[in-house]
Amino acid sequence: MKKYSAACEKRLEKVFEWMAEEGIALLMLEDSETRRDNNIRWLTGQPGDALLFLAQVPQAASGKKRTASKSEQPVKLEKSVVLVPWDINIAKLYACNVPLTIIPYNDFGRKPVNALMAAAKLLKIPAGSKIEIPSVTPYPAFLKFVGELTDFDILCRENGAEAAMRKLRSVKNDEEIAIIRKAAKITNELIDLLEKNARNGKIKTEADAALLIQIEARKRGCEGTSFETLAAGTERSFGIHAFPSWTCAPFGGQGLSILDFGVKYNGYCTDVTLTFARDLNPKQEKFIALVERAMKLALSMSHNGTPTRDIAAAVDSLFSKSKKEMPHGLGHGIGLQEHEYPVIRNSSDNEWVLEPGMIFTIEPGLYDPLLGGCRLENDILITENGHEILTEARIIRL
């Protein structure tokens, strides 16, 4: 349960470095039913439902004497990590073996402002220091933090700690890559099983496909699916994300059916989309051919140093030559969440450049109310020498 402590220590150190650059003395993260934040799991191993406090203050402020003046040596910072879980037993089981203090959330009346006030006192945060709280904190709650912690500069900002950690998480380390490889292996087993059962008639409805994924993923040790499976038969595949996500309608009949799913293994996600095709007309065949060409083109450009906007623009150009338009981005990063950085889209604000360790989806797709939809999505790892396709999603002709 605690084998990733070395990775957690490295991640914590990177966040502490960022805090030092920003002049942040105390950082609060919150993972709750209304405000989820996978950064707590990334930093500590705690699977969720917790507050996390990271503090670093000059040693003199924490009661330790210094032996030299400020002009003689840099100020040393005392670093502290405090985990405040809803479930103390789960925290003791899953939290990494890094130097941290675990305090039950009940000790603070289950109120974030109480916990922050206590943390500031416990960790001896000097008056006037910057304390950052989650960017998603509602404005009324922000005012309460400001009103209760009048001795501090409370920051609640869009491009703060969470944005910095999302960027850090965009490049996976060897341990993360190994976990995602395992998740991809399980995903590929499910893809093969789905194809087999669609061919032999065991999958007749959207529900058959969705429930098979859920059950078989858990049989293989997954925490579940990484998002709600999207199973859309021929009457509903024209939607990017069918609503409802799946029904008891027929699946895999004449035309195009879409199945978008992923698994979550040891916290990490996969995300793939299959298209099932049966007895297509010429226009539907053109859909498939264009989507497969788009995937091939995107893969040919997926290597270290490529701006992701260039890849998305090339695919958009390919579709436009056939007077088609893809109504969504070409892809997105995956990790502890099914949607992370980098983004793979043709937009002016996209400045992401591929580098080794990034794992992301490529998912070209086309949709039409009369013809149905076709999407092909796989998970890609950027390596030093190119890329590796981790998953085996495909167009399945029945």
Protein backbone atom coordinates (compact mmCIF):
# COMPACT_ATOMS: atom_id res chain seq x y z
CA MET A 1 0.00 0.00 0.00
CA LYS A 2 2.93 2.36 0.73
CA LYS A 3 5.44 1.42 -1.99
CA TYR A 4 5.38 4.79 -3.78
CA SER A 5 6.87 6.85 -0.96
CA ALA A 6 10.02 7.75 -2.94
CA ALA A 7 7.89 9.13 -5.76
CA CYS A 8 5.75 11.06 -3.27
CA GLU A 9 8.84 12.62 -1.71
CA LYS A 10 10.08 13.83 -5.09
CA ARG A 11 6.69 15.29 -5.95
CA LEU A 12 6.41 17.03 -2.60
CA GLU A 13 9.86 18.52 -3.07
CA LYS A 14 8.85 19.96 -6.46
CA VAL A 15 5.76 21.55 -4.92
CA PHE A 16 7.82 22.98 -2.06
CA GLU A 17 10.21 24.48 -4.63
CA TRP A 18 7.26 26.11 -6.37
CA MET A 19 5.98 27.43 -3.03
CA ALA A 20 9.38 28.97 -2.31
CA GLU A 21 9.38 30.70 -5.71
CA GLU A 22 5.89 32.05 -5.07
CA GLY A 23 6.55 32.99 -1.45
CA ILE A 24 3.78 30.70 -0.16
CA ALA A 25 4.17 29.70 3.50
CA LEU A 26 1.13 27.44 3.75
CA LEU A 27 -0.78 25.64 1.01
CA MET A 28 -4.13 23.95 1.51
CA LEU A 29 -5.58 21.31 -0.84
CA GLU A 30 -9.08 19.89 -0.49
CA ASP A 31 -10.59 16.70 -1.86
CA SER A 32 -14.27 16.45 -0.95
CA GLU A 33 -17.58 15.42 -2.49
CA THR A 34 -18.11 18.90 -3.91
CA ARG A 35 -14.49 19.76 -4.74
CA ARG A 36 -12.39 16.83 -5.94
CA ASP A 37 -8.60 17.18 -6.20
CA ASN A 38 -6.44 14.22 -7.24
CA ASN A 39 -3.30 16.15 -6.29
CA ILE A 40 -3.69 14.89 -2.72
CA ARG A 41 -3.42 11.30 -3.95
CA TRP A 42 -0.52 12.25 -6.21
CA LEU A 43 1.40 13.78 -3.31
CA THR A 44 0.55 11.40 -0.46
CA GLY A 45 -1.11 8.23 -1.75
CA GLN A 46 -4.30 9.07 0.18
CA PRO A 47 -7.10 8.02 -2.23
CA GLY A 48 -9.38 10.95 -1.42
CA ASP A 49 -11.68 12.72 1.03
CA ALA A 50 -9.05 14.71 2.86
CA LEU A 51 -7.42 18.08 3.37
CA LEU A 52 -3.69 18.45 2.85
CA PHE A 53 -1.51 21.20 4.29
CA LEU A 54 2.01 21.89 3.04
CA ALA A 55 4.03 24.43 5.00
CA GLN A 56 7.53 25.82 4.86
CA VAL A 57 8.69 28.58 7.12
CA PRO A 58 12.12 29.89 8.17
CA GLN A 59 13.57 27.69 10.89
CA ALA A 60 13.80 30.68 13.20
CA ALA A 61 10.00 31.04 12.96
CA SER A 62 9.54 27.43 14.03
CA GLY A 63 11.55 27.87 17.17
CA LYS A 64 14.97 26.71 15.95
CA LYS A 65 18.05 28.87 16.49
CA ARG A 66 20.26 29.80 13.61
CA THR A 67 24.04 29.78 13.91
CA ALA A 68 24.82 32.38 11.27
CA SER A 69 23.40 35.65 10.09
CA LYS A 70 21.19 36.02 7.03
CA SER A 71 24.10 37.52 5.10
CA GLU A 72 26.29 34.48 5.86
CA GLN A 73 23.97 31.69 4.67
CA PRO A 74 20.57 31.21 3.04
CA VAL A 75 17.54 30.98 5.25
CA LYS A 76 16.71 27.33 5.86
CA LEU A 77 13.06 26.40 5.57
CA GLU A 78 11.26 23.99 7.84
CA LYS A 79 8.97 21.82 5.70
CA SER A 80 5.86 20.16 7.08
CA VAL A 81 3.12 17.96 5.63
CA VAL A 82 -0.19 17.51 7.45
CA LEU A 83 -2.89 15.17 6.14
CA VAL A 84 -6.41 15.65 7.51
CA PRO A 85 -8.54 12.70 6.31
CA TRP A 86 -12.22 12.02 6.76
CA ASP A 87 -11.34 8.32 7.40
CA ILE A 88 -8.30 7.95 9.61
CA ASN A 89 -8.10 4.17 9.03
CA ILE A 90 -7.92 4.55 5.25
CA ALA A 91 -5.24 7.22 5.63
CA LYS A 92 -3.08 5.00 7.82
CA LEU A 93 -3.42 2.23 5.25
CA TYR A 94 -2.74 4.18 2.07
CA ALA A 95 -0.73 7.32 2.94
CA CYS A 96 2.87 7.12 1.75
CA ASN A 97 5.78 6.56 4.07
CA VAL A 98 6.90 10.17 3.91
CA PRO A 99 7.31 12.45 6.93
CA LEU A 100 3.77 13.60 7.51
CA THR A 101 1.37 14.17 10.37
CA ILE A 102 -2.13 12.65 10.17
CA ILE A 103 -4.91 14.40 12.09
CA PRO A 104 -8.58 13.28 11.87
CA TYR A 105 -10.90 15.81 10.21
CA ASN A 106 -13.33 15.40 13.09
CA ASP A 107 -10.81 17.19 15.31
CA PHE A 108 -11.73 20.39 13.48
CA GLY A 109 -15.49 19.97 13.48
CA ARG A 110 -15.29 18.88 9.83
CA LYS A 111 -14.87 22.49 8.71
CA PRO A 112 -12.03 23.53 6.36
CA VAL A 113 -11.67 27.00 7.89
CA ASN A 114 -11.20 25.48 11.36
CA ALA A 115 -8.60 23.08 10.00
CA LEU A 116 -6.72 25.88 8.24
CA MET A 117 -6.67 28.04 11.36
CA ALA A 118 -5.37 25.11 13.40
CA ALA A 119 -2.74 24.27 10.78
CA ALA A 120 -1.47 27.84 10.71
CA LYS A 121 -1.07 27.74 14.49
CA LEU A 122 0.38 24.22 14.67
CA LEU A 123 2.93 24.92 11.94
CA LYS A 124 3.85 28.34 13.33
CA ILE A 125 3.09 30.28 10.16
CA PRO A 126 4.35 33.85 10.69
CA ALA A 127 1.82 36.68 10.62
CA GLY A 128 1.62 38.37 7.24
CA SER A 129 2.53 35.18 5.38
CA LYS A 130 0.84 34.07 2.16
CA ILE A 131 -1.59 31.18 2.54
CA GLU A 132 -3.06 29.69 -0.61
CA ILE A 133 -6.41 27.88 -0.66
CA PRO A 134 -7.98 25.95 -3.59
CA SER A 135 -8.89 27.99 -6.65
CA VAL A 136 -12.34 26.36 -6.74
CA THR A 137 -13.27 27.68 -3.30
CA PRO A 138 -16.68 29.41 -3.56
CA TYR A 139 -16.60 33.17 -2.99
CA PRO A 140 -18.68 33.06 0.23
CA ALA A 141 -16.27 30.47 1.65
CA PHE A 142 -13.29 32.57 0.54
CA LEU A 143 -14.70 35.54 2.47
CA LYS A 144 -14.98 33.35 5.54
CA PHE A 145 -11.34 32.31 5.26
CA VAL A 146 -10.32 35.94 4.91
CA GLY A 147 -12.49 36.98 7.85
CA GLU A 148 -11.16 34.29 10.17
CA LEU A 149 -7.46 34.48 9.25
CA THR A 150 -6.98 38.23 9.39
CA ASP A 151 -3.26 37.98 10.15
CA PHE A 152 -2.50 36.35 6.81
CA ASP A 153 -2.63 37.09 3.09
CA ILE A 154 -5.17 34.56 1.77
CA LEU A 155 -4.72 33.70 -1.91
CA CYS A 156 -7.37 32.04 -4.06
CA ARG A 157 -6.26 32.21 -7.69
CA GLU A 158 -6.75 30.50 -11.01
CA ASN A 159 -3.09 30.12 -11.94
CA GLY A 160 -1.81 29.04 -8.56
CA ALA A 161 -0.78 25.76 -7.02
CA GLU A 162 -3.30 23.58 -8.79
CA ALA A 163 -2.21 24.85 -12.21
CA ALA A 164 1.44 24.28 -11.28
CA MET A 165 0.73 20.71 -10.16
CA ARG A 166 -1.31 19.93 -13.26
CA LYS A 167 1.73 20.93 -15.30
CA LEU A 168 4.04 18.78 -13.16
CA ARG A 169 1.65 15.84 -13.55
CA SER A 170 1.75 16.11 -17.35
CA VAL A 171 5.06 14.23 -17.42
CA LYS A 172 4.85 10.80 -15.79
CA ASN A 173 7.72 9.13 -13.99
CA ASP A 174 8.72 5.47 -14.45
CA GLU A 175 6.43 4.24 -11.66
CA GLU A 176 3.43 6.05 -13.10
CA ILE A 177 4.18 4.75 -16.58
CA ALA A 178 4.37 1.20 -15.23
CA ILE A 179 0.95 1.57 -13.61
CA ILE A 180 -0.60 3.00 -16.77
CA ARG A 181 0.95 0.18 -18.81
CA LYS A 182 -0.83 -2.28 -16.53
CA ALA A 183 -4.08 -0.35 -16.89
CA ALA A 184 -3.62 -0.40 -20.66
CA LYS A 185 -2.99 -4.15 -20.63
CA ILE A 186 -6.29 -4.67 -18.82
CA THR A 187 -8.02 -2.29 -21.23
CA ASN A 188 -6.71 -4.32 -24.18
CA GLU A 189 -8.00 -7.52 -22.63
CA LEU A 190 -11.43 -5.91 -22.34
CA ILE A 191 -11.29 -4.70 -25.95
CA ASP A 192 -10.65 -8.26 -27.13
CA LEU A 193 -13.45 -9.57 -24.93
CA LEU A 194 -15.86 -6.93 -26.21
CA GLU A 195 -15.09 -7.81 -29.80
CA LYS A 196 -15.49 -11.53 -29.10
CA ASN A 197 -18.83 -11.06 -27.35
CA ALA A 198 -20.12 -8.69 -30.01
CA ARG A 199 -19.32 -11.28 -32.68
CA ASN A 200 -20.84 -14.22 -30.86
CA GLY A 201 -24.03 -12.33 -30.00
CA LYS A 202 -23.55 -12.04 -26.23
CA ILE A 203 -23.54 -8.25 -26.52
CA LYS A 204 -26.93 -7.28 -27.86
CA THR A 205 -27.53 -3.95 -26.07
CA GLU A 206 -25.64 -0.92 -24.86
CA ALA A 207 -26.18 -2.17 -21.31
CA ASP A 208 -24.55 -5.51 -22.12
CA ALA A 209 -21.38 -3.73 -23.21
CA ALA A 210 -21.29 -1.23 -20.34
CA LEU A 211 -21.91 -3.83 -17.62
CA LEU A 212 -19.37 -6.24 -19.07
CA ILE A 213 -16.69 -3.53 -18.83
CA GLN A 214 -17.57 -2.70 -15.23
CA ILE A 215 -17.58 -6.32 -14.05
CA GLU A 216 -14.53 -7.52 -15.96
CA ALA A 217 -12.46 -4.49 -14.96
CA ARG A 218 -13.06 -5.17 -11.28
CA LYS A 219 -12.29 -8.86 -11.76
CA ARG A 220 -8.86 -7.74 -12.96
CA GLY A 221 -8.15 -5.61 -9.90
CA CYS A 222 -9.30 -2.22 -11.16
CA GLU A 223 -10.93 0.37 -8.90
CA GLY A 224 -13.62 0.64 -11.54
CA THR A 225 -14.00 2.59 -14.75
CA SER A 226 -12.20 5.90 -15.14
CA PHE A 227 -15.48 7.57 -16.18
CA GLU A 228 -19.01 6.47 -16.95
CA THR A 229 -18.92 4.24 -20.01
CA LEU A 230 -20.46 5.73 -23.16
CA ALA A 231 -22.19 3.03 -25.20
CA ALA A 232 -24.17 4.30 -28.17
CA GLY A 233 -25.84 2.02 -30.70
CA THR A 234 -26.56 2.97 -34.27
CA GLU A 235 -29.50 5.22 -33.33
CA ARG A 236 -27.44 7.29 -30.86
CA SER A 237 -23.84 7.25 -32.09
CA PHE A 238 -24.20 10.66 -33.77
CA GLY A 239 -23.55 12.33 -30.38
CA ILE A 240 -20.03 13.09 -29.21
CA HIS A 241 -21.09 11.94 -25.74
CA ALA A 242 -24.40 10.12 -25.95
CA PHE A 243 -27.05 11.02 -23.41
CA PRO A 244 -27.88 8.99 -21.41
CA SER A 245 -24.42 7.46 -21.42
CA TRP A 246 -25.92 4.01 -22.08
CA THR A 247 -29.38 2.49 -22.29
CA CYS A 248 -30.91 -0.89 -23.10
CA ALA A 249 -31.11 0.05 -26.78
CA PRO A 250 -29.61 -2.32 -29.40
CA PHE A 251 -25.84 -2.16 -29.91
CA GLY A 252 -23.76 -3.29 -32.87
CA GLY A 253 -26.53 -3.41 -35.44
CA GLN A 254 -26.48 -2.17 -39.02
CA GLY A 255 -24.51 1.07 -39.12
CA LEU A 256 -22.06 2.64 -36.65
CA SER A 257 -21.98 2.07 -32.88
CA ILE A 258 -19.56 3.83 -30.52
CA LEU A 259 -18.12 2.52 -27.24
CA ASP A 260 -16.02 4.97 -25.18
CA PHE A 261 -14.58 3.63 -21.91
CA GLY A 262 -11.57 3.45 -19.64
CA VAL A 263 -10.42 1.67 -16.50
CA LYS A 264 -8.85 3.00 -13.33
CA TYR A 265 -6.02 0.91 -11.91
CA ASN A 266 -4.13 1.95 -8.79
CA GLY A 267 -5.54 5.43 -9.31
CA TYR A 268 -4.49 5.83 -12.96
CA CYS A 269 -6.82 5.96 -15.96
CA THR A 270 -7.07 4.77 -19.51
CA ASP A 271 -9.44 6.19 -22.14
CA VAL A 272 -10.27 4.47 -25.43
CA THR A 273 -13.05 4.55 -28.02
CA LEU A 274 -14.05 1.72 -30.34
CA THR A 275 -16.38 1.94 -33.30
CA PHE A 276 -18.38 -1.15 -34.25
CA ALA A 277 -19.38 -1.22 -37.92
CA ARG A 278 -21.87 -3.47 -39.70
CA ASP A 279 -23.18 -3.37 -43.28
CA LEU A 280 -22.16 0.24 -43.96
CA ASN A 281 -23.23 2.43 -46.84
CA PRO A 282 -20.63 4.33 -48.93
CA LYS A 283 -20.92 7.53 -46.88
CA GLN A 284 -20.35 5.64 -43.64
CA GLU A 285 -17.35 3.90 -45.19
CA LYS A 286 -15.96 7.34 -46.01
CA PHE A 287 -16.38 8.32 -42.35
CA ILE A 288 -14.31 5.35 -41.24
CA ALA A 289 -11.63 5.90 -43.85
CA LEU A 290 -11.22 9.56 -42.87
CA VAL A 291 -11.03 8.79 -39.15
CA GLU A 292 -8.41 6.09 -39.70
CA ARG A 293 -6.38 8.44 -41.92
CA ALA A 294 -6.60 11.12 -39.23
CA MET A 295 -5.31 8.71 -36.60
CA LYS A 296 -2.41 7.68 -38.82
CA LEU A 297 -1.53 11.31 -39.51
CA ALA A 298 -1.65 12.28 -35.83
CA LEU A 299 0.54 9.35 -34.84
CA SER A 300 3.12 10.24 -37.49
CA MET A 301 3.53 13.64 -35.81
CA SER A 302 3.54 12.42 -32.20
CA HIS A 303 7.12 12.67 -31.03
CA ASN A 304 9.32 14.68 -28.70
CA GLY A 305 9.32 18.40 -29.47
CA THR A 306 6.12 18.58 -31.52
CA PRO A 307 3.67 21.34 -30.57
CA THR A 308 0.35 19.63 -29.92
CA ARG A 309 -1.49 22.41 -31.74
CA ASP A 310 0.32 21.44 -34.94
CA ILE A 311 -0.99 17.87 -34.69
CA ALA A 312 -4.57 19.00 -34.14
CA ALA A 313 -4.33 21.57 -36.95
CA ALA A 314 -3.10 18.91 -39.37
CA VAL A 315 -6.06 16.67 -38.58
CA ASP A 316 -8.49 19.58 -38.90
CA SER A 317 -7.00 20.35 -42.30
CA LEU A 318 -7.37 16.73 -43.38
CA PHE A 319 -11.04 16.71 -42.48
CA SER A 320 -11.71 20.09 -44.05
CA LYS A 321 -10.42 18.87 -47.43
CA SER A 322 -13.34 16.44 -47.40
CA LYS A 323 -15.69 19.18 -46.16
CA LYS A 324 -15.90 17.56 -42.73
CA GLU A 325 -15.34 19.08 -39.31
CA MET A 326 -14.45 17.44 -36.02
CA PRO A 327 -16.53 19.09 -33.25
CA HIS A 328 -14.10 18.38 -30.40
CA GLY A 329 -10.41 18.49 -29.56
CA LEU A 330 -8.08 15.83 -30.94
CA GLY A 331 -7.00 14.57 -27.53
CA HIS A 332 -5.99 15.19 -23.93
CA GLY A 333 -3.59 14.00 -21.29
CA ILE A 334 -4.51 11.13 -18.97
CA GLY A 335 -3.27 10.10 -15.55
CA LEU A 336 -4.99 10.22 -12.20
CA GLN A 337 -7.85 11.83 -14.10
CA GLU A 338 -9.23 10.90 -17.50
CA HIS A 339 -8.67 14.50 -18.65
CA GLU A 340 -5.31 16.04 -17.81
CA TYR A 341 -2.56 17.95 -19.58
CA PRO A 342 -1.29 18.23 -22.24
CA VAL A 343 -4.19 19.27 -24.44
CA ILE A 344 -4.17 18.27 -28.10
CA ARG A 345 -6.32 20.90 -29.78
CA ASN A 346 -6.13 23.53 -32.48
CA SER A 347 -6.57 26.69 -30.44
CA SER A 348 -4.55 29.89 -30.20
CA ASP A 349 -3.94 29.50 -26.46
CA ASN A 350 -2.51 25.97 -26.78
CA GLU A 351 1.24 26.20 -26.17
CA TRP A 352 1.88 22.58 -25.15
CA VAL A 353 4.86 20.79 -26.66
CA LEU A 354 5.28 17.00 -26.44
CA GLU A 355 8.07 15.61 -24.30
CA PRO A 356 9.05 12.12 -23.09
CA GLY A 357 6.81 10.84 -20.30
CA MET A 358 3.64 12.52 -21.53
CA ILE A 359 0.68 10.17 -21.95
CA PHE A 360 -2.34 11.37 -23.86
CA THR A 361 -5.19 10.32 -26.12
CA ILE A 362 -5.60 10.79 -29.83
CA GLU A 363 -9.29 10.56 -30.73
CA PRO A 364 -10.35 11.75 -34.18
CA GLY A 365 -14.08 11.50 -34.77
CA LEU A 366 -16.87 12.46 -37.14
CA TYR A 367 -20.61 12.56 -36.43
CA ASP A 368 -23.80 12.98 -38.43
CA PRO A 369 -27.45 12.69 -37.32
CA LEU A 370 -28.26 10.47 -40.33
CA LEU A 371 -25.04 8.50 -40.74
CA GLY A 372 -24.16 8.04 -37.09
CA GLY A 373 -20.75 8.57 -35.57
CA CYS A 374 -17.26 7.13 -35.82
CA ARG A 375 -14.50 7.79 -33.29
CA LEU A 376 -11.18 6.01 -32.78
CA GLU A 377 -9.23 6.71 -29.59
CA ASN A 378 -6.01 5.30 -28.21
CA ASP A 379 -3.58 6.19 -25.42
CA ILE A 380 -0.10 7.28 -26.48
CA LEU A 381 3.19 7.53 -24.55
CA ILE A 382 5.89 9.87 -25.82
CA THR A 383 9.36 8.31 -25.62
CA GLU A 384 12.85 9.62 -26.30
CA ASN A 385 12.75 8.17 -29.81
CA GLY A 386 9.12 8.65 -30.79
CA HIS A 387 5.95 7.23 -29.29
CA GLU A 388 4.39 4.02 -28.03
CA ILE A 389 0.74 3.12 -28.56
CA LEU A 390 -0.37 1.70 -25.23
CA THR A 391 -3.90 0.63 -26.12
CA GLU A 392 -5.38 -1.36 -29.00
CA ALA A 393 -8.69 0.33 -29.76
CA ARG A 394 -9.82 -0.15 -33.34
CA ILE A 395 -12.67 -0.11 -35.84
CA ILE A 396 -14.40 -3.47 -35.39
CA ARG A 397 -16.25 -4.69 -38.45
CA LEU A 398 -19.00 -7.14 -37.52
